[in-house]
Amino acid sequence: DYLLEVTRVCGCGEKERNYHIFFQLLQARADPQLQDLDIQAPEEYNYIKGSRFTAPGIDDTRCFQEVKEAFLALEFSPEVQKEIFKVVVGLLVVGNTDFV
């Protein structure tokens, strides 16, 4: 299970998508709750380069709103939600790190 998940985060097949939350956050980066997270355009993140940034029939911005609604239904405060979103964005940023 673990190895499958690591592979899925770090890359995916050409024109495929790995974790939908990555694309939902990126498409919803204008959301007021995300404004200070400095979320870049999808092309800026190595983990999703070569991915399909949008998928036919999927509205990632709307799906992001549904994620937020689900968090509220689970009684995750907006502050806790933001911390979770910071971790997700952090994963994308770590993918841009070069080790020498």
C-alpha atoms as a PDB file:
ATOM      1  CA  ASP A   1       0.000   0.000   0.000  1.00  0.00           C
ATOM      2  CA  TYR A   2       2.679   2.521   1.019  1.00  0.00           C
ATOM      3  CA  LEU A   3       4.808   2.074  -2.108  1.00  0.00           C
ATOM      4  CA  LEU A   4       1.786   2.492  -4.361  1.00  0.00           C
ATOM      5  CA  GLU A   5       0.913   5.762  -2.668  1.00  0.00           C
ATOM      6  CA  VAL A   6       4.464   7.149  -2.859  1.00  0.00           C
ATOM      7  CA  THR A   7       4.525   6.364  -6.567  1.00  0.00           C
ATOM      8  CA  ARG A   8       1.193   8.031  -7.072  1.00  0.00           C
ATOM      9  CA  VAL A   9       2.229  11.263  -5.331  1.00  0.00           C
ATOM     10  CA  CYS A  10       5.570  11.600  -7.111  1.00  0.00           C
ATOM     11  CA  GLY A  11       4.340  10.984 -10.603  1.00  0.00           C
ATOM     12  CA  CYS A  12       1.711   9.613 -12.892  1.00  0.00           C
ATOM     13  CA  GLY A  13       1.286   8.486 -16.454  1.00  0.00           C
ATOM     14  CA  GLU A  14       1.353  11.026 -19.229  1.00  0.00           C
ATOM     15  CA  LYS A  15      -1.959  12.900 -19.527  1.00  0.00           C
ATOM     16  CA  GLU A  16      -3.251  11.242 -16.342  1.00  0.00           C
ATOM     17  CA  ARG A  17      -3.973  12.798 -12.961  1.00  0.00           C
ATOM     18  CA  ASN A  18      -2.743  11.639  -9.587  1.00  0.00           C
ATOM     19  CA  TYR A  19      -4.475  12.984  -6.477  1.00  0.00           C
ATOM     20  CA  HIS A  20      -7.529  15.050  -7.365  1.00  0.00           C
ATOM     21  CA  ILE A  21      -7.017  17.327  -4.354  1.00  0.00           C
ATOM     22  CA  PHE A  22      -3.853  18.660  -6.027  1.00  0.00           C
ATOM     23  CA  PHE A  23      -5.833  19.801  -9.052  1.00  0.00           C
ATOM     24  CA  GLN A  24      -8.772  21.016  -6.975  1.00  0.00           C
ATOM     25  CA  LEU A  25      -6.497  23.245  -4.885  1.00  0.00           C
ATOM     26  CA  LEU A  26      -4.689  24.555  -7.940  1.00  0.00           C
ATOM     27  CA  GLN A  27      -7.881  25.411  -9.798  1.00  0.00           C
ATOM     28  CA  ALA A  28      -9.398  27.020  -6.683  1.00  0.00           C
ATOM     29  CA  ARG A  29      -6.284  29.008  -5.758  1.00  0.00           C
ATOM     30  CA  ALA A  30      -8.294  32.263  -6.016  1.00  0.00           C
ATOM     31  CA  ASP A  31     -10.472  31.088  -3.102  1.00  0.00           C
ATOM     32  CA  PRO A  32     -10.130  33.593  -0.226  1.00  0.00           C
ATOM     33  CA  GLN A  33      -9.149  30.790   2.169  1.00  0.00           C
ATOM     34  CA  LEU A  34      -6.143  29.951  -0.049  1.00  0.00           C
ATOM     35  CA  GLN A  35      -4.955  33.452  -0.936  1.00  0.00           C
ATOM     36  CA  ASP A  36      -1.949  33.565   1.376  1.00  0.00           C
ATOM     37  CA  LEU A  37      -0.655  30.076   0.487  1.00  0.00           C
ATOM     38  CA  ASP A  38       1.165  31.353  -2.617  1.00  0.00           C
ATOM     39  CA  ILE A  39      -0.223  28.566  -4.787  1.00  0.00           C
ATOM     40  CA  GLN A  40       1.370  28.678  -8.236  1.00  0.00           C
ATOM     41  CA  ALA A  41       0.038  27.616 -11.618  1.00  0.00           C
ATOM     42  CA  PRO A  42      -0.067  23.838 -12.178  1.00  0.00           C
ATOM     43  CA  GLU A  43       2.874  23.991 -14.586  1.00  0.00           C
ATOM     44  CA  GLU A  44       5.129  25.083 -11.717  1.00  0.00           C
ATOM     45  CA  TYR A  45       4.936  21.788  -9.802  1.00  0.00           C
ATOM     46  CA  ASN A  46       7.181  18.875 -10.775  1.00  0.00           C
ATOM     47  CA  TYR A  47       4.934  16.205  -9.253  1.00  0.00           C
ATOM     48  CA  ILE A  48       2.186  16.979 -11.732  1.00  0.00           C
ATOM     49  CA  LYS A  49       4.174  18.047 -14.800  1.00  0.00           C
ATOM     50  CA  GLY A  50       2.957  16.059 -17.770  1.00  0.00           C
ATOM     51  CA  SER A  51      -0.391  15.554 -16.071  1.00  0.00           C
ATOM     52  CA  ARG A  52      -3.711  16.498 -17.492  1.00  0.00           C
ATOM     53  CA  PHE A  53      -4.450  19.689 -15.511  1.00  0.00           C
ATOM     54  CA  THR A  54      -8.137  19.634 -16.347  1.00  0.00           C
ATOM     55  CA  ALA A  55     -10.314  16.618 -17.008  1.00  0.00           C
ATOM     56  CA  PRO A  56     -13.394  16.507 -19.214  1.00  0.00           C
ATOM     57  CA  GLY A  57     -16.573  16.789 -17.205  1.00  0.00           C
ATOM     58  CA  ILE A  58     -14.810  17.609 -13.923  1.00  0.00           C
ATOM     59  CA  ASP A  59     -15.084  21.062 -12.383  1.00  0.00           C
ATOM     60  CA  ASP A  60     -12.183  21.069  -9.927  1.00  0.00           C
ATOM     61  CA  THR A  61     -13.198  24.400  -8.409  1.00  0.00           C
ATOM     62  CA  ARG A  62     -16.674  23.065  -7.626  1.00  0.00           C
ATOM     63  CA  CYS A  63     -15.158  19.834  -6.299  1.00  0.00           C
ATOM     64  CA  PHE A  64     -12.931  21.890  -4.006  1.00  0.00           C
ATOM     65  CA  GLN A  65     -16.027  23.599  -2.613  1.00  0.00           C
ATOM     66  CA  GLU A  66     -17.513  20.150  -1.997  1.00  0.00           C
ATOM     67  CA  VAL A  67     -14.360  19.139  -0.109  1.00  0.00           C
ATOM     68  CA  LYS A  68     -14.714  22.221   2.087  1.00  0.00           C
ATOM     69  CA  GLU A  69     -18.387  21.436   2.694  1.00  0.00           C
ATOM     70  CA  ALA A  70     -17.480  17.864   3.642  1.00  0.00           C
ATOM     71  CA  PHE A  71     -14.852  19.158   6.086  1.00  0.00           C
ATOM     72  CA  LEU A  72     -17.467  21.426   7.667  1.00  0.00           C
ATOM     73  CA  ALA A  73     -19.909  18.504   7.914  1.00  0.00           C
ATOM     74  CA  LEU A  74     -17.163  16.619   9.752  1.00  0.00           C
ATOM     75  CA  GLU A  75     -16.762  19.670  12.002  1.00  0.00           C
ATOM     76  CA  PHE A  76     -13.308  20.618  10.752  1.00  0.00           C
ATOM     77  CA  SER A  77     -12.989  24.327  11.474  1.00  0.00           C
ATOM     78  CA  PRO A  78     -11.856  26.667   8.668  1.00  0.00           C
ATOM     79  CA  GLU A  79      -8.528  26.974  10.527  1.00  0.00           C
ATOM     80  CA  VAL A  80      -7.992  23.202  10.554  1.00  0.00           C
ATOM     81  CA  GLN A  81      -9.005  23.013   6.898  1.00  0.00           C
ATOM     82  CA  LYS A  82      -6.406  25.626   6.043  1.00  0.00           C
ATOM     83  CA  GLU A  83      -3.727  23.632   7.868  1.00  0.00           C
ATOM     84  CA  ILE A  84      -4.655  20.575   5.793  1.00  0.00           C
ATOM     85  CA  PHE A  85      -4.485  22.614   2.599  1.00  0.00           C
ATOM     86  CA  LYS A  86      -1.051  23.911   3.645  1.00  0.00           C
ATOM     87  CA  VAL A  87       0.178  20.320   3.954  1.00  0.00           C
ATOM     88  CA  VAL A  88      -1.170  19.436   0.505  1.00  0.00           C
ATOM     89  CA  VAL A  89       0.474  22.489  -1.073  1.00  0.00           C
ATOM     90  CA  GLY A  90       3.636  21.624   0.867  1.00  0.00           C
ATOM     91  CA  LEU A  91       3.712  18.215  -0.808  1.00  0.00           C
ATOM     92  CA  LEU A  92       3.659  19.897  -4.201  1.00  0.00           C
ATOM     93  CA  VAL A  93       6.445  22.279  -3.165  1.00  0.00           C
ATOM     94  CA  VAL A  94       8.621  19.430  -1.846  1.00  0.00           C
ATOM     95  CA  GLY A  95       8.407  17.928  -5.323  1.00  0.00           C
ATOM     96  CA  ASN A  96      10.260  20.970  -6.653  1.00  0.00           C
ATOM     97  CA  THR A  97      13.231  20.335  -4.373  1.00  0.00           C
ATOM     98  CA  ASP A  98      16.465  19.292  -6.051  1.00  0.00           C
ATOM     99  CA  PHE A  99      18.858  17.178  -4.024  1.00  0.00           C
ATOM    100  CA  VAL A 100      22.502  17.258  -5.005  1.00  0.00           C
END
